[in-house]
């Protein structure tokens, strides 16, 4: 898989950072989004994820840009597809179906009546451009079920991957406290193609992969971040995150361990850039 989009965009144009986060670059510098996709592909990624993590009302409303949602989703899908075409490589595009309020906050998950239509918009606009959908950074079963319901409502025929965000205490629980087993059982209704963990401490992912290996024969994997996220954090509040010491060599150690445990899908989330992905691709 590829790695972080937002952090990579930030390194290219820090002046564009706003409450819209990575969606701001779709408005002001879409060529940079495509550039990041291409860099990951050239680093060895077999799959890239659309830049739709923040093309949702909770972000766009910060600048009264909710009306741009369908347009920005389509642009994100188009840029990912163009990057694959330009690369002349066999790379799949995954449509990101993200949390609709804050990452890591199961307590802020919105009601189904509000959430499902938002996911339906994401799915409708991305469908022409993507090969699979990935429900990522899911912090609770309820959050996952909202995305799943939208996929069912639209009779989605594309493969679906489910990726949960875990508590970082290595006890195999989603951020909500629900177990991996219960989350997997709840997802069975849409028959996901693969199961992963993301935006989570790599040590917690290691334990999660061990658990998943016992629960399913489907492809499994993970894509960690480099941040320690304290309770109560949101993108806009003053709660500070810290950066864990995750060098490329240490990331590679985790990747090899995960492969040895049976993982076949490995990438990176926040703070994991192209050099990390190249290191993993080089050991295939």
Protein backbone atom coordinates (compact mmCIF):
# COMPACT_ATOMS: atom_id res chain seq x y z
CA UNK A 1 0.00 0.00 0.00
CA UNK A 2 0.96 3.67 -0.12
CA UNK A 3 1.59 5.86 2.92
CA UNK A 4 0.53 9.23 4.30
CA UNK A 5 -1.06 11.75 1.95
CA UNK A 6 -1.61 14.75 4.25
CA UNK A 7 1.89 14.84 5.69
CA UNK A 8 3.46 14.49 2.27
CA UNK A 9 1.38 17.37 0.92
CA UNK A 10 2.42 19.44 3.92
CA UNK A 11 6.11 18.96 3.11
CA UNK A 12 5.48 20.31 -0.40
CA UNK A 13 3.31 23.33 0.42
CA UNK A 14 3.05 24.14 4.12
CA UNK A 15 1.32 27.43 3.30
CA UNK A 16 -1.84 25.59 2.27
CA UNK A 17 -2.52 23.98 5.65
CA UNK A 18 -6.02 24.80 6.86
CA UNK A 19 -8.99 23.30 8.67
CA UNK A 20 -9.78 21.45 5.46
CA UNK A 21 -6.47 19.55 5.83
CA UNK A 22 -5.71 17.48 2.71
CA UNK A 23 -8.91 18.61 0.95
CA UNK A 24 -7.40 22.11 0.71
CA UNK A 25 -4.84 20.78 -1.75
CA UNK A 26 -7.58 19.51 -4.05
CA UNK A 27 -8.80 23.10 -4.24
CA UNK A 28 -5.49 24.95 -4.48
CA UNK A 29 -2.86 22.48 -5.69
CA UNK A 30 -4.35 19.30 -7.18
CA UNK A 31 -1.15 18.66 -9.11
CA UNK A 32 0.59 17.98 -5.79
CA UNK A 33 -1.95 15.29 -4.90
CA UNK A 34 -1.19 13.51 -8.16
CA UNK A 35 2.53 14.00 -7.55
CA UNK A 36 2.30 12.26 -4.17
CA UNK A 37 0.34 9.36 -5.69
CA UNK A 38 3.01 8.95 -8.36
CA UNK A 39 5.83 9.06 -5.84
CA UNK A 40 4.25 6.20 -3.89
CA UNK A 41 3.72 4.19 -7.07
CA UNK A 42 7.33 4.76 -8.10
CA UNK A 43 8.38 3.69 -4.61
CA UNK A 44 6.72 0.32 -5.17
CA UNK A 45 3.13 0.72 -3.96
CA UNK A 46 0.70 -1.71 -5.62
CA UNK A 47 -2.29 0.18 -4.22
CA UNK A 48 -2.95 3.88 -3.61
CA UNK A 49 -5.78 5.42 -1.59
CA UNK A 50 -7.83 8.39 -2.80
CA UNK A 51 -7.37 11.75 -1.11
CA UNK A 52 -10.92 11.74 0.26
CA UNK A 53 -10.20 11.50 3.97
CA UNK A 54 -11.28 15.10 4.51
CA UNK A 55 -13.70 15.67 1.62
CA UNK A 56 -16.54 15.36 4.12
CA UNK A 57 -18.91 17.88 5.74
CA UNK A 58 -17.15 18.01 9.12
CA UNK A 59 -14.03 19.37 7.41
CA UNK A 60 -15.56 21.30 4.51
CA UNK A 61 -17.98 23.15 6.79
CA UNK A 62 -15.02 24.89 8.43
CA UNK A 63 -14.79 27.03 5.29
CA UNK A 64 -18.43 26.84 4.21
CA UNK A 65 -17.38 24.54 1.39
CA UNK A 66 -19.86 21.69 1.88
CA UNK A 67 -21.27 22.36 -1.61
CA UNK A 68 -17.89 21.37 -3.06
CA UNK A 69 -18.07 17.87 -1.62
CA UNK A 70 -19.14 15.91 -4.75
CA UNK A 71 -16.76 17.90 -6.96
CA UNK A 72 -13.78 17.34 -4.67
CA UNK A 73 -14.51 13.63 -4.29
CA UNK A 74 -14.62 13.23 -8.07
CA UNK A 75 -11.38 15.17 -8.45
CA UNK A 76 -9.65 12.99 -5.85
CA UNK A 77 -10.75 9.87 -7.72
CA UNK A 78 -9.68 11.30 -11.06
CA UNK A 79 -6.22 12.30 -9.79
CA UNK A 80 -5.58 8.83 -8.38
CA UNK A 81 -6.67 7.18 -11.63
CA UNK A 82 -4.55 9.57 -13.70
CA UNK A 83 -1.51 8.80 -11.55
CA UNK A 84 -1.94 5.08 -12.21
CA UNK A 85 -2.33 5.69 -15.95
CA UNK A 86 0.75 7.91 -16.08
CA UNK A 87 2.81 5.36 -14.16
CA UNK A 88 2.04 2.62 -16.72
CA UNK A 89 2.08 0.15 -13.80
CA UNK A 90 -0.51 -2.27 -12.48
CA UNK A 91 -1.74 -0.45 -9.40
CA UNK A 92 -5.15 -0.61 -7.76
CA UNK A 93 -6.98 2.48 -6.53
CA UNK A 94 -8.82 2.25 -3.20
CA UNK A 95 -11.60 4.70 -2.41
CA UNK A 96 -11.24 5.97 1.15
CA UNK A 97 -14.37 5.88 3.30
CA UNK A 98 -13.15 7.63 6.47
CA UNK A 99 -14.56 8.57 9.87
CA UNK A 100 -17.07 11.38 9.42
CA UNK A 101 -16.22 13.40 12.52
CA UNK A 102 -12.85 12.80 14.19
CA UNK A 103 -10.45 9.91 13.91
CA UNK A 104 -10.00 7.82 17.08
CA UNK A 105 -13.23 9.18 18.61
CA UNK A 106 -15.99 6.56 18.81
CA UNK A 107 -17.79 8.90 21.19
CA UNK A 108 -18.26 11.41 18.35
CA UNK A 109 -19.66 9.00 15.74
CA UNK A 110 -22.74 10.61 14.21
CA UNK A 111 -26.15 8.97 13.86
CA UNK A 112 -26.83 6.61 10.96
CA UNK A 113 -29.45 8.94 9.47
CA UNK A 114 -26.77 11.59 8.96
CA UNK A 115 -23.80 9.33 8.27
CA UNK A 116 -25.17 6.93 5.67
CA UNK A 117 -26.08 9.62 3.08
CA UNK A 118 -22.57 11.09 3.38
CA UNK A 119 -21.00 7.71 2.73
CA UNK A 120 -23.39 7.22 -0.19
CA UNK A 121 -22.11 10.44 -1.76
CA UNK A 122 -18.51 9.29 -1.35
CA UNK A 123 -19.31 5.92 -2.90
CA UNK A 124 -21.31 7.31 -5.83
CA UNK A 125 -18.66 9.85 -6.79
CA UNK A 126 -15.70 7.47 -6.36
CA UNK A 127 -17.18 4.41 -8.07
CA UNK A 128 -16.06 5.35 -11.62
CA UNK A 129 -12.45 5.72 -10.49
CA UNK A 130 -11.71 3.05 -7.89
CA UNK A 131 -11.08 -0.68 -7.88
CA UNK A 132 -11.99 -1.26 -4.24
CA UNK A 133 -13.40 0.64 -1.28
CA UNK A 134 -11.58 0.79 2.04
CA UNK A 135 -13.50 1.64 5.22
CA UNK A 136 -10.50 2.97 7.13
CA UNK A 137 -9.70 4.15 10.65
CA UNK A 138 -12.96 2.66 11.87
CA UNK A 139 -12.99 3.19 15.63
CA UNK A 140 -16.17 1.29 16.45
CA UNK A 141 -18.57 -1.30 15.05
CA UNK A 142 -21.23 1.40 14.70
CA UNK A 143 -18.94 3.58 12.60
CA UNK A 144 -18.10 0.63 10.35
CA UNK A 145 -21.76 -0.30 10.00
CA UNK A 146 -22.67 3.16 8.70
CA UNK A 147 -20.21 2.78 5.82
CA UNK A 148 -21.35 -0.80 5.24
CA UNK A 149 -25.00 0.26 5.08
CA UNK A 150 -24.22 2.83 2.41
CA UNK A 151 -22.39 0.20 0.36
CA UNK A 152 -25.38 -2.13 0.66
CA UNK A 153 -27.88 0.61 -0.19
CA UNK A 154 -26.04 1.31 -3.45
CA UNK A 155 -25.63 -2.37 -4.34
CA UNK A 156 -21.86 -1.90 -4.47
CA UNK A 157 -20.16 -4.65 -6.45
CA UNK A 158 -16.56 -3.62 -5.85
CA UNK A 159 -14.41 -5.42 -3.25
CA UNK A 160 -14.39 -3.87 0.22
CA UNK A 161 -11.55 -3.77 2.72
CA UNK A 162 -12.19 -3.03 6.40
CA UNK A 163 -9.49 -1.31 8.45
CA UNK A 164 -9.92 -0.65 12.16
CA UNK A 165 -8.06 1.70 14.47
CA UNK A 166 -7.02 -0.03 17.68
CA UNK A 167 -6.44 1.06 21.24
CA UNK A 168 -2.73 1.27 21.77
CA UNK A 169 -2.65 -0.94 24.85
CA UNK A 170 -2.09 -4.07 22.73
CA UNK A 171 -5.27 -5.73 24.05
CA UNK A 172 -6.90 -6.23 20.63
CA UNK A 173 -9.69 -3.74 21.09
CA UNK A 174 -11.05 -1.09 18.77
CA UNK A 175 -10.92 2.47 20.10
CA UNK A 176 -14.48 1.85 21.29
CA UNK A 177 -13.35 -1.05 23.50
CA UNK A 178 -15.10 -3.61 21.27
CA UNK A 179 -13.15 -6.71 20.34
CA UNK A 180 -11.63 -7.51 16.97
CA UNK A 181 -13.65 -10.71 16.91
CA UNK A 182 -16.94 -8.89 17.40
CA UNK A 183 -16.03 -6.31 14.76
CA UNK A 184 -15.10 -9.02 12.28
CA UNK A 185 -18.34 -10.89 12.91
CA UNK A 186 -20.33 -7.67 12.43
CA UNK A 187 -18.64 -7.04 9.08
CA UNK A 188 -19.45 -10.47 7.65
CA UNK A 189 -22.72 -9.28 6.09
CA UNK A 190 -20.81 -7.55 3.26
CA UNK A 191 -18.13 -10.23 2.92
CA UNK A 192 -15.04 -7.98 2.96
CA UNK A 193 -12.12 -8.97 0.77
CA UNK A 194 -9.51 -8.09 3.42
CA UNK A 195 -9.07 -6.95 7.03
CA UNK A 196 -6.51 -4.45 8.29
CA UNK A 197 -5.55 -2.09 11.09
CA UNK A 198 -4.43 1.49 10.50
CA UNK A 199 -3.54 4.80 12.11
CA UNK A 200 -2.43 2.82 15.15
CA UNK A 201 0.71 2.00 17.10
CA UNK A 202 2.69 -0.71 15.23
CA UNK A 203 3.02 -2.81 18.39
CA UNK A 204 -0.78 -2.88 18.71
CA UNK A 205 -1.03 -3.82 15.02
CA UNK A 206 1.34 -6.73 15.65
CA UNK A 207 -0.98 -8.12 18.33
CA UNK A 208 -4.00 -7.42 16.16
CA UNK A 209 -2.55 -9.36 13.24
CA UNK A 210 -1.92 -12.32 15.52
CA UNK A 211 -5.59 -12.21 16.51
CA UNK A 212 -6.86 -11.79 12.95
CA UNK A 213 -4.80 -14.76 11.79
CA UNK A 214 -6.82 -16.94 14.16
CA UNK A 215 -10.16 -15.52 13.02
CA UNK A 216 -10.01 -15.43 9.22
CA UNK A 217 -8.36 -16.93 6.17
CA UNK A 218 -8.83 -13.74 4.17
CA UNK A 219 -5.93 -11.35 3.44
CA UNK A 220 -4.85 -9.30 6.45
CA UNK A 221 -2.41 -6.47 7.10
CA UNK A 222 -1.77 -3.07 8.57
CA UNK A 223 -0.59 0.47 7.99
CA UNK A 224 0.59 2.24 11.16
CA UNK A 225 1.15 5.89 12.00
CA UNK A 226 4.00 7.62 13.83
CA UNK A 227 1.88 9.55 16.34
CA UNK A 228 0.82 8.80 19.89
CA UNK A 229 -2.72 10.14 20.16
CA UNK A 230 -3.97 10.97 23.68
CA UNK A 231 -7.60 10.68 24.76
CA UNK A 232 -9.76 13.62 23.78
CA UNK A 233 -7.72 14.67 20.77
CA UNK A 234 -9.33 16.36 17.78
CA UNK A 235 -7.72 18.04 14.80
CA UNK A 236 -8.66 21.50 16.04
CA UNK A 237 -8.28 21.36 19.82
CA UNK A 238 -5.20 22.03 21.91
CA UNK A 239 -4.55 18.43 22.97
CA UNK A 240 -1.07 17.64 21.70
CA UNK A 241 0.06 14.46 19.98
CA UNK A 242 3.61 13.17 20.31
CA UNK A 243 5.75 11.49 17.67
CA UNK A 244 7.00 7.97 18.32
CA UNK A 245 10.48 6.95 17.26
CA UNK A 246 9.69 4.93 14.15
CA UNK A 247 12.65 4.93 11.80
CA UNK A 248 12.59 3.33 8.37
CA UNK A 249 14.66 0.42 9.67
CA UNK A 250 12.29 -0.12 12.61
CA UNK A 251 9.27 0.10 10.31
CA UNK A 252 10.90 -2.53 8.12
CA UNK A 253 11.34 -4.80 11.15
CA UNK A 254 7.63 -4.55 11.85
CA UNK A 255 6.78 -5.20 8.19
CA UNK A 256 8.90 -8.34 8.13
CA UNK A 257 7.36 -9.55 11.40
CA UNK A 258 3.87 -8.95 10.02
CA UNK A 259 4.71 -10.88 6.87
CA UNK A 260 5.99 -13.74 9.00
CA UNK A 261 2.69 -13.66 10.90
CA UNK A 262 0.74 -13.99 7.67
CA UNK A 263 0.09 -10.38 6.63
CA UNK A 264 0.07 -9.77 2.88
CA UNK A 265 -1.00 -6.10 2.85
CA UNK A 266 1.39 -3.56 4.35
CA UNK A 267 1.59 0.21 4.06
CA UNK A 268 1.70 3.38 6.10
CA UNK A 269 -0.60 5.99 7.58
CA UNK A 270 0.15 9.43 9.10
CA UNK A 271 3.86 10.24 8.98
CA UNK A 272 4.87 7.23 6.88
CA UNK A 273 6.31 8.51 3.60
CA UNK A 274 7.56 7.10 0.28
CA UNK A 275 10.97 6.07 1.62
CA UNK A 276 9.24 3.77 4.14
CA UNK A 277 7.11 2.23 1.42
CA UNK A 278 10.14 1.69 -0.83
CA UNK A 279 11.90 -0.16 1.99
CA UNK A 280 8.97 -2.58 2.27
CA UNK A 281 8.54 -2.96 -1.49
CA UNK A 282 12.20 -3.85 -1.85
CA UNK A 283 11.84 -6.94 0.37
CA UNK A 284 8.99 -8.53 -1.59
